[in-house]
Amino acid sequence: MKKNTINLCNATMIALLILTTSCSNNKNSNTMADTNQKITPSLWVEKDAKAVADYYLSIFKDGKLKDYRKFVNPPNEFSSDTTSFETAVIEIAGMEFSILAAGPLFKFNEAVSFVVNCKDQAEVDYYWDALTANGGEEGSCGWCKDKYGLSWQVVPTEYFDLIHSTDPAVREKAMINTFKQKKLIIEDLKK
């Protein structure tokens, strides 16, 4: 087999393993509590699932590490290399995320992102600063990327009141001002 086919095969096996591990952990494990969450986002990162988990848990203070595992596959008929990968399951803001650290095969892009609904400007400032620090980057209209390249939109909940207002002038101001901003500033949305 060609090396790319082997890597794809390994990636598929890894994805199935993480899925199996996550599903079995949610049903009958002594290490993880049952979850009522039907869909769990899985974040594929290049390396160090524990460091990635710790990063997100440092930002989302109410979070917790639910599981961490390291798997090592010995050389086999498809590859003479020893392969390894790590998994972690975290819960942040009441939502479970699975993290798979299995190499550089896949990268984040804007097609998948998460929205952080913030109660006030102080919370917007906190999440924006935390997510854009240490290699993250600012985008426009409340969008940013964290240091791993995952996209987030940090939004004050009041924003939705403004853009859904029954007053067309309020809606228009909010929309026009959204396009002028990177981090959303509530007071500037109303001007």
C-alpha atoms as a PDB file:
ATOM      1  CA  MET A   1       0.000   0.000   0.000  1.00  0.00           C
ATOM      2  CA  LYS A   2       1.072   3.568  -0.573  1.00  0.00           C
ATOM      3  CA  LYS A   3       2.022   5.619   2.500  1.00  0.00           C
ATOM      4  CA  ASN A   4      -0.917   8.063   2.002  1.00  0.00           C
ATOM      5  CA  THR A   5      -3.367   5.149   1.877  1.00  0.00           C
ATOM      6  CA  ILE A   6      -1.793   3.689   5.016  1.00  0.00           C
ATOM      7  CA  ASN A   7      -2.089   7.051   6.784  1.00  0.00           C
ATOM      8  CA  LEU A   8      -5.723   7.369   5.745  1.00  0.00           C
ATOM      9  CA  CYS A   9      -6.392   3.827   6.905  1.00  0.00           C
ATOM     10  CA  ASN A  10      -4.689   4.556  10.232  1.00  0.00           C
ATOM     11  CA  ALA A  11      -6.648   7.803  10.559  1.00  0.00           C
ATOM     12  CA  THR A  12      -9.903   5.978   9.954  1.00  0.00           C
ATOM     13  CA  MET A  13      -9.014   3.310  12.518  1.00  0.00           C
ATOM     14  CA  ILE A  14      -8.104   6.014  15.008  1.00  0.00           C
ATOM     15  CA  ALA A  15     -11.379   7.840  14.449  1.00  0.00           C
ATOM     16  CA  LEU A  16     -13.314   4.598  14.976  1.00  0.00           C
ATOM     17  CA  LEU A  17     -11.353   3.889  18.143  1.00  0.00           C
ATOM     18  CA  ILE A  18     -12.065   7.306  19.594  1.00  0.00           C
ATOM     19  CA  LEU A  19     -15.718   6.974  18.727  1.00  0.00           C
ATOM     20  CA  THR A  20     -15.894   3.550  20.340  1.00  0.00           C
ATOM     21  CA  THR A  21     -14.004   4.768  23.395  1.00  0.00           C
ATOM     22  CA  SER A  22     -16.226   7.826  23.757  1.00  0.00           C
ATOM     23  CA  CYS A  23     -19.455   5.847  23.301  1.00  0.00           C
ATOM     24  CA  SER A  24     -18.485   3.077  25.699  1.00  0.00           C
ATOM     25  CA  ASN A  25     -17.282   5.604  28.247  1.00  0.00           C
ATOM     26  CA  ASN A  26     -20.598   7.382  28.142  1.00  0.00           C
ATOM     27  CA  LYS A  27     -22.600   4.212  28.757  1.00  0.00           C
ATOM     28  CA  ASN A  28     -20.774   1.892  31.101  1.00  0.00           C
ATOM     29  CA  SER A  29     -17.509   3.348  32.283  1.00  0.00           C
ATOM     30  CA  ASN A  30     -16.287   3.842  35.795  1.00  0.00           C
ATOM     31  CA  THR A  31     -14.221   6.832  34.640  1.00  0.00           C
ATOM     32  CA  MET A  32     -16.878   8.997  32.996  1.00  0.00           C
ATOM     33  CA  ALA A  33     -20.397   9.972  33.945  1.00  0.00           C
ATOM     34  CA  ASP A  34     -23.307   9.315  31.640  1.00  0.00           C
ATOM     35  CA  THR A  35     -24.139  12.172  29.343  1.00  0.00           C
ATOM     36  CA  ASN A  36     -27.448  13.300  27.942  1.00  0.00           C
ATOM     37  CA  GLN A  37     -25.672  14.991  25.061  1.00  0.00           C
ATOM     38  CA  LYS A  38     -26.603  13.207  21.846  1.00  0.00           C
ATOM     39  CA  ILE A  39     -23.870  14.772  19.675  1.00  0.00           C
ATOM     40  CA  THR A  40     -20.307  15.328  20.870  1.00  0.00           C
ATOM     41  CA  PRO A  41     -18.045  17.554  18.769  1.00  0.00           C
ATOM     42  CA  SER A  42     -14.686  15.905  18.149  1.00  0.00           C
ATOM     43  CA  LEU A  43     -11.673  18.176  17.748  1.00  0.00           C
ATOM     44  CA  TRP A  44      -8.743  16.661  15.829  1.00  0.00           C
ATOM     45  CA  VAL A  45      -5.437  18.244  16.803  1.00  0.00           C
ATOM     46  CA  GLU A  46      -1.880  17.419  15.824  1.00  0.00           C
ATOM     47  CA  LYS A  47      -0.469  16.457  19.215  1.00  0.00           C
ATOM     48  CA  ASP A  48      -0.820  16.512  22.989  1.00  0.00           C
ATOM     49  CA  ALA A  49      -4.522  16.083  23.726  1.00  0.00           C
ATOM     50  CA  LYS A  50      -3.891  16.794  27.411  1.00  0.00           C
ATOM     51  CA  ALA A  51      -2.288  20.171  26.663  1.00  0.00           C
ATOM     52  CA  VAL A  52      -5.194  21.065  24.369  1.00  0.00           C
ATOM     53  CA  ALA A  53      -7.690  20.017  27.046  1.00  0.00           C
ATOM     54  CA  ASP A  54      -5.811  22.071  29.659  1.00  0.00           C
ATOM     55  CA  TYR A  55      -5.816  25.077  27.305  1.00  0.00           C
ATOM     56  CA  TYR A  56      -9.599  25.062  26.869  1.00  0.00           C
ATOM     57  CA  LEU A  57     -10.152  24.344  30.561  1.00  0.00           C
ATOM     58  CA  SER A  58      -8.014  27.384  31.417  1.00  0.00           C
ATOM     59  CA  ILE A  59     -10.341  29.576  29.337  1.00  0.00           C
ATOM     60  CA  PHE A  60     -13.681  28.029  30.284  1.00  0.00           C
ATOM     61  CA  LYS A  61     -13.351  28.032  34.074  1.00  0.00           C
ATOM     62  CA  ASP A  62     -16.429  25.891  34.736  1.00  0.00           C
ATOM     63  CA  GLY A  63     -15.024  23.021  32.709  1.00  0.00           C
ATOM     64  CA  LYS A  64     -13.590  19.682  33.694  1.00  0.00           C
ATOM     65  CA  LEU A  65     -11.441  16.928  32.259  1.00  0.00           C
ATOM     66  CA  LYS A  66     -13.624  13.833  32.004  1.00  0.00           C
ATOM     67  CA  ASP A  67     -11.159  11.409  30.426  1.00  0.00           C
ATOM     68  CA  TYR A  68      -7.614  11.210  29.058  1.00  0.00           C
ATOM     69  CA  ARG A  69      -6.000   8.224  27.327  1.00  0.00           C
ATOM     70  CA  LYS A  70      -2.858   7.486  25.363  1.00  0.00           C
ATOM     71  CA  PHE A  71      -2.866   4.669  22.804  1.00  0.00           C
ATOM     72  CA  VAL A  72       0.239   3.106  21.263  1.00  0.00           C
ATOM     73  CA  ASN A  73      -0.066   0.848  18.237  1.00  0.00           C
ATOM     74  CA  PRO A  74       2.930  -1.425  17.650  1.00  0.00           C
ATOM     75  CA  PRO A  75       4.280  -1.953  14.120  1.00  0.00           C
ATOM     76  CA  ASN A  76       1.864  -4.000  12.029  1.00  0.00           C
ATOM     77  CA  GLU A  77       1.378  -5.383   8.520  1.00  0.00           C
ATOM     78  CA  PHE A  78       0.589  -1.888   7.160  1.00  0.00           C
ATOM     79  CA  SER A  79       3.406   0.039   8.779  1.00  0.00           C
ATOM     80  CA  SER A  80       6.753  -0.696  10.391  1.00  0.00           C
ATOM     81  CA  ASP A  81       6.375   2.422  12.541  1.00  0.00           C
ATOM     82  CA  THR A  82       5.000   2.541  16.037  1.00  0.00           C
ATOM     83  CA  THR A  83       2.075   4.925  16.004  1.00  0.00           C
ATOM     84  CA  SER A  84       0.467   6.595  18.955  1.00  0.00           C
ATOM     85  CA  PHE A  85      -2.357   8.970  19.604  1.00  0.00           C
ATOM     86  CA  GLU A  86      -4.098  10.531  22.570  1.00  0.00           C
ATOM     87  CA  THR A  87      -7.681  11.281  23.406  1.00  0.00           C
ATOM     88  CA  ALA A  88      -9.263  13.536  25.962  1.00  0.00           C
ATOM     89  CA  VAL A  89     -12.847  14.349  26.787  1.00  0.00           C
ATOM     90  CA  ILE A  90     -13.637  17.686  28.367  1.00  0.00           C
ATOM     91  CA  GLU A  91     -16.815  19.383  29.414  1.00  0.00           C
ATOM     92  CA  ILE A  92     -17.003  23.141  29.012  1.00  0.00           C
ATOM     93  CA  ALA A  93     -20.061  25.320  29.477  1.00  0.00           C
ATOM     94  CA  GLY A  94     -22.087  22.154  30.013  1.00  0.00           C
ATOM     95  CA  MET A  95     -21.048  20.680  26.645  1.00  0.00           C
ATOM     96  CA  GLU A  96     -18.818  17.678  26.119  1.00  0.00           C
ATOM     97  CA  PHE A  97     -15.991  17.821  23.567  1.00  0.00           C
ATOM     98  CA  SER A  98     -13.783  14.949  22.470  1.00  0.00           C
ATOM     99  CA  ILE A  99     -10.172  15.765  21.571  1.00  0.00           C
ATOM    100  CA  LEU A 100      -8.161  13.472  19.311  1.00  0.00           C
ATOM    101  CA  ALA A 101      -4.424  14.143  18.978  1.00  0.00           C
ATOM    102  CA  ALA A 102      -3.418  11.990  16.038  1.00  0.00           C
ATOM    103  CA  GLY A 103      -1.098  13.957  13.794  1.00  0.00           C
ATOM    104  CA  PRO A 104      -1.305  16.641  11.137  1.00  0.00           C
ATOM    105  CA  LEU A 105      -3.732  14.929   8.754  1.00  0.00           C
ATOM    106  CA  PHE A 106      -6.580  17.393   9.323  1.00  0.00           C
ATOM    107  CA  LYS A 107      -6.655  21.099  10.168  1.00  0.00           C
ATOM    108  CA  PHE A 108      -9.394  23.332  11.523  1.00  0.00           C
ATOM    109  CA  ASN A 109     -11.077  25.763   9.148  1.00  0.00           C
ATOM    110  CA  GLU A 110     -13.953  28.221   9.331  1.00  0.00           C
ATOM    111  CA  ALA A 111     -16.481  25.635   8.132  1.00  0.00           C
ATOM    112  CA  VAL A 112     -16.858  24.525  11.761  1.00  0.00           C
ATOM    113  CA  SER A 113     -16.919  27.062  14.563  1.00  0.00           C
ATOM    114  CA  PHE A 114     -18.407  27.687  17.980  1.00  0.00           C
ATOM    115  CA  VAL A 115     -20.309  30.681  19.341  1.00  0.00           C
ATOM    116  CA  VAL A 116     -19.707  31.932  22.878  1.00  0.00           C
ATOM    117  CA  ASN A 117     -22.818  33.741  24.128  1.00  0.00           C
ATOM    118  CA  CYS A 118     -21.739  36.373  26.663  1.00  0.00           C
ATOM    119  CA  LYS A 119     -23.908  38.077  29.267  1.00  0.00           C
ATOM    120  CA  ASP A 120     -22.095  41.444  29.097  1.00  0.00           C
ATOM    121  CA  GLN A 121     -19.147  43.354  27.671  1.00  0.00           C
ATOM    122  CA  ALA A 122     -16.799  42.167  30.430  1.00  0.00           C
ATOM    123  CA  GLU A 123     -17.462  38.561  29.457  1.00  0.00           C
ATOM    124  CA  VAL A 124     -16.979  39.384  25.755  1.00  0.00           C
ATOM    125  CA  ASP A 125     -13.647  41.028  26.617  1.00  0.00           C
ATOM    126  CA  TYR A 126     -12.537  38.044  28.715  1.00  0.00           C
ATOM    127  CA  TYR A 127     -13.256  35.370  26.076  1.00  0.00           C
ATOM    128  CA  TRP A 128     -11.962  37.494  23.208  1.00  0.00           C
ATOM    129  CA  ASP A 129      -8.692  38.209  24.990  1.00  0.00           C
ATOM    130  CA  ALA A 130      -8.267  34.593  26.133  1.00  0.00           C
ATOM    131  CA  LEU A 131      -9.003  33.074  22.724  1.00  0.00           C
ATOM    132  CA  THR A 132      -6.818  35.486  20.740  1.00  0.00           C
ATOM    133  CA  ALA A 133      -3.841  35.364  23.142  1.00  0.00           C
ATOM    134  CA  ASN A 134      -0.679  33.330  22.519  1.00  0.00           C
ATOM    135  CA  GLY A 135      -1.029  32.893  18.770  1.00  0.00           C
ATOM    136  CA  GLY A 136      -4.771  33.316  18.296  1.00  0.00           C
ATOM    137  CA  GLU A 137      -5.987  35.901  15.807  1.00  0.00           C
ATOM    138  CA  GLU A 138      -8.760  38.442  15.516  1.00  0.00           C
ATOM    139  CA  GLY A 139     -11.252  38.320  12.698  1.00  0.00           C
ATOM    140  CA  SER A 140     -14.179  40.602  11.937  1.00  0.00           C
ATOM    141  CA  CYS A 141     -17.764  40.731  13.204  1.00  0.00           C
ATOM    142  CA  GLY A 142     -16.935  39.054  16.506  1.00  0.00           C
ATOM    143  CA  TRP A 143     -15.023  36.154  14.929  1.00  0.00           C
ATOM    144  CA  CYS A 144     -11.605  35.020  16.102  1.00  0.00           C
ATOM    145  CA  LYS A 145      -9.360  31.959  16.077  1.00  0.00           C
ATOM    146  CA  ASP A 146      -7.635  30.432  19.060  1.00  0.00           C
ATOM    147  CA  LYS A 147      -3.988  29.342  19.005  1.00  0.00           C
ATOM    148  CA  TYR A 148      -4.957  25.967  17.514  1.00  0.00           C
ATOM    149  CA  GLY A 149      -6.846  27.611  14.641  1.00  0.00           C
ATOM    150  CA  LEU A 150     -10.351  26.794  15.879  1.00  0.00           C
ATOM    151  CA  SER A 151     -12.865  29.536  14.995  1.00  0.00           C
ATOM    152  CA  TRP A 152     -15.078  31.178  17.612  1.00  0.00           C
ATOM    153  CA  GLN A 153     -17.622  33.977  17.502  1.00  0.00           C
ATOM    154  CA  VAL A 154     -17.736  35.849  20.802  1.00  0.00           C
ATOM    155  CA  VAL A 155     -21.133  37.522  21.023  1.00  0.00           C
ATOM    156  CA  PRO A 156     -22.912  39.544  23.704  1.00  0.00           C
ATOM    157  CA  THR A 157     -26.455  38.185  24.049  1.00  0.00           C
ATOM    158  CA  GLU A 158     -27.726  41.770  23.798  1.00  0.00           C
ATOM    159  CA  TYR A 159     -26.501  41.674  20.198  1.00  0.00           C
ATOM    160  CA  PHE A 160     -29.398  39.385  19.280  1.00  0.00           C
ATOM    161  CA  ASP A 161     -31.882  41.807  20.846  1.00  0.00           C
ATOM    162  CA  LEU A 162     -30.444  44.560  18.653  1.00  0.00           C
ATOM    163  CA  ILE A 163     -30.412  42.670  15.342  1.00  0.00           C
ATOM    164  CA  HIS A 164     -33.892  41.246  15.993  1.00  0.00           C
ATOM    165  CA  SER A 165     -35.371  44.512  17.225  1.00  0.00           C
ATOM    166  CA  THR A 166     -38.831  45.463  15.983  1.00  0.00           C
ATOM    167  CA  ASP A 167     -37.365  48.924  15.310  1.00  0.00           C
ATOM    168  CA  PRO A 168     -35.779  48.873  11.832  1.00  0.00           C
ATOM    169  CA  ALA A 169     -33.407  51.737  12.734  1.00  0.00           C
ATOM    170  CA  VAL A 170     -31.989  49.774  15.695  1.00  0.00           C
ATOM    171  CA  ARG A 171     -31.544  46.658  13.522  1.00  0.00           C
ATOM    172  CA  GLU A 172     -29.842  48.602  10.743  1.00  0.00           C
ATOM    173  CA  LYS A 173     -27.447  50.409  13.112  1.00  0.00           C
ATOM    174  CA  ALA A 174     -26.488  47.157  14.787  1.00  0.00           C
ATOM    175  CA  MET A 175     -25.831  45.385  11.490  1.00  0.00           C
ATOM    176  CA  ILE A 176     -23.850  48.263   9.976  1.00  0.00           C
ATOM    177  CA  ASN A 177     -21.781  48.620  13.144  1.00  0.00           C
ATOM    178  CA  THR A 178     -21.161  44.861  13.315  1.00  0.00           C
ATOM    179  CA  PHE A 179     -19.279  45.054  10.017  1.00  0.00           C
ATOM    180  CA  LYS A 180     -17.052  47.838  11.388  1.00  0.00           C
ATOM    181  CA  GLN A 181     -15.870  45.810  14.394  1.00  0.00           C
ATOM    182  CA  LYS A 182     -13.533  42.971  15.141  1.00  0.00           C
ATOM    183  CA  LYS A 183     -14.425  42.302  18.794  1.00  0.00           C
ATOM    184  CA  LEU A 184     -18.078  43.237  19.285  1.00  0.00           C
ATOM    185  CA  ILE A 185     -18.511  46.279  21.522  1.00  0.00           C
ATOM    186  CA  ILE A 186     -22.104  46.547  22.713  1.00  0.00           C
ATOM    187  CA  GLU A 187     -22.174  50.357  23.035  1.00  0.00           C
ATOM    188  CA  ASP A 188     -20.649  50.804  19.578  1.00  0.00           C
ATOM    189  CA  LEU A 189     -23.321  48.566  18.052  1.00  0.00           C
ATOM    190  CA  LYS A 190     -25.976  51.074  19.163  1.00  0.00           C
ATOM    191  CA  LYS A 191     -24.348  54.242  17.730  1.00  0.00           C
END
